[in-house]
Amino acid sequence: MDDSKMVGGKVKKPGKRGRKPAKIDLKAKLERSRQSARECRARKKLRYQYLEELVSSKERAICALREELEMYKQWCTAMDQGKIPSEIKALLTGDEQNSSTKTSKNSNQS
């Protein structure tokens, strides 16, 4: 016989097994791979933009909270010295006005 071998009653030919892919298949596969890579980079870019915006918003919130904390510390220091800050006075008088208007509205409805 020529280069083929007999194994288990079947003739085996030397060389690669299976179907040989056509060049069109290779080109299509390469294009699909490129498209997939483009989509992956686009998703990654969007993910990083989202995370950067999230970090930025959290940093702004932290700054606002620090400013608020500093304001409260100043109020406490002033109150320890026996002074009542004008902001607290405004809050207290504003609350009293709101509560008195609520009671007057309730009494008018009765």
Protein backbone atom coordinates (compact mmCIF):
# COMPACT_ATOMS: atom_id res chain seq x y z
CA MET A 1 0.00 0.00 0.00
CA ASP A 2 1.05 3.64 -0.20
CA ASP A 3 1.52 5.87 2.86
CA SER A 4 -1.78 4.85 4.49
CA LYS A 5 -1.90 2.55 7.52
CA MET A 6 -4.36 -0.19 8.41
CA VAL A 7 -5.73 0.20 11.95
CA GLY A 8 -8.67 -1.84 13.11
CA GLY A 9 -9.76 -2.57 9.54
CA LYS A 10 -9.83 1.12 8.59
CA VAL A 11 -7.43 2.90 6.34
CA LYS A 12 -5.72 5.89 7.97
CA LYS A 13 -4.14 8.57 5.83
CA PRO A 14 -1.25 10.63 7.19
CA GLY A 15 -1.70 14.36 7.76
CA LYS A 16 -4.17 16.62 9.49
CA ARG A 17 -7.54 15.41 10.54
CA GLY A 18 -10.82 17.16 10.03
CA ARG A 19 -11.90 19.86 7.68
CA LYS A 20 -9.41 22.45 6.54
CA PRO A 21 -10.82 25.97 7.19
CA ALA A 22 -11.16 28.19 4.17
CA LYS A 23 -9.44 31.57 4.02
CA ILE A 24 -12.84 33.25 4.13
CA ASP A 25 -13.51 31.63 7.50
CA LEU A 26 -10.17 32.91 8.81
CA LYS A 27 -10.90 36.42 7.59
CA ALA A 28 -14.38 36.35 9.12
CA LYS A 29 -12.97 35.03 12.38
CA LEU A 30 -10.34 37.75 12.45
CA GLU A 31 -12.96 40.43 11.79
CA ARG A 32 -15.20 39.04 14.55
CA SER A 33 -12.24 39.11 16.90
CA ARG A 34 -11.50 42.73 16.01
CA GLN A 35 -15.15 43.71 16.49
CA SER A 36 -15.24 41.94 19.85
CA ALA A 37 -12.08 43.79 20.93
CA ARG A 38 -13.63 47.14 19.90
CA GLU A 39 -16.77 46.38 21.89
CA CYS A 40 -14.70 45.32 24.90
CA ARG A 41 -12.71 48.57 24.81
CA ALA A 42 -15.94 50.58 24.54
CA ARG A 43 -17.44 48.77 27.56
CA LYS A 44 -14.24 49.33 29.53
CA LYS A 45 -14.27 53.04 28.67
CA LEU A 46 -17.90 53.38 29.81
CA ARG A 47 -17.18 51.50 33.02
CA TYR A 48 -14.25 53.78 33.85
CA GLN A 49 -16.31 56.90 33.09
CA TYR A 50 -19.05 55.67 35.40
CA LEU A 51 -16.58 54.92 38.18
CA GLU A 52 -14.86 58.32 37.79
CA GLU A 53 -18.24 60.10 38.05
CA LEU A 54 -19.11 58.03 41.11
CA VAL A 55 -15.82 58.88 42.81
CA SER A 56 -16.27 62.56 41.96
CA SER A 57 -19.78 62.68 43.44
CA LYS A 58 -18.62 60.89 46.59
CA GLU A 59 -15.73 63.35 46.98
CA ARG A 60 -18.15 66.29 46.68
CA ALA A 61 -20.40 64.72 49.32
CA ILE A 62 -17.42 64.23 51.64
CA CYS A 63 -16.41 67.90 51.24
CA ALA A 64 -19.94 69.06 52.03
CA LEU A 65 -20.07 66.86 55.13
CA ARG A 66 -16.69 68.12 56.32
CA GLU A 67 -17.87 71.72 55.96
CA GLU A 68 -21.02 70.89 57.91
CA LEU A 69 -18.97 69.18 60.62
CA GLU A 70 -16.69 72.22 60.89
CA MET A 71 -19.74 74.48 61.25
CA TYR A 72 -21.09 72.30 64.07
CA LYS A 73 -17.69 72.34 65.79
CA GLN A 74 -17.67 76.15 65.66
CA TRP A 75 -21.19 76.24 67.10
CA CYS A 76 -20.16 73.95 69.95
CA THR A 77 -17.09 76.04 70.69
CA ALA A 78 -19.21 79.21 70.77
CA MET A 79 -21.79 77.56 73.04
CA ASP A 80 -19.02 76.36 75.39
CA GLN A 81 -17.99 80.02 75.71
CA GLY A 82 -21.57 80.95 76.60
CA LYS A 83 -22.50 82.46 73.25
CA ILE A 84 -25.44 81.29 71.18
CA PRO A 85 -24.64 81.45 67.46
CA SER A 86 -27.07 83.46 65.37
CA GLU A 87 -27.71 80.44 63.14
CA ILE A 88 -28.97 78.44 66.11
CA LYS A 89 -31.14 81.36 67.23
CA ALA A 90 -32.61 81.52 63.74
CA LEU A 91 -33.29 77.78 63.78
CA LEU A 92 -34.93 77.99 67.20
CA THR A 93 -37.12 80.96 66.32
CA GLY A 94 -38.00 79.38 62.98
CA ASP A 95 -39.06 76.16 64.71
CA GLU A 96 -41.14 78.10 67.23
CA GLN A 97 -42.88 79.98 64.43
CA ASN A 98 -43.59 76.75 62.55
CA SER A 99 -44.99 75.05 65.65
CA SER A 100 -47.15 78.08 66.57
CA THR A 101 -48.60 78.29 63.06
CA LYS A 102 -49.39 74.58 63.15
CA THR A 103 -51.24 74.94 66.46
CA SER A 104 -53.15 77.98 65.24
CA LYS A 105 -54.16 76.12 62.05
CA ASN A 106 -55.31 73.15 64.11
CA SER A 107 -57.34 75.38 66.42
CA ASN A 108 -58.98 77.12 63.44
CA GLN A 109 -60.06 73.79 61.95
CA SER A 110 -61.84 72.70 65.16
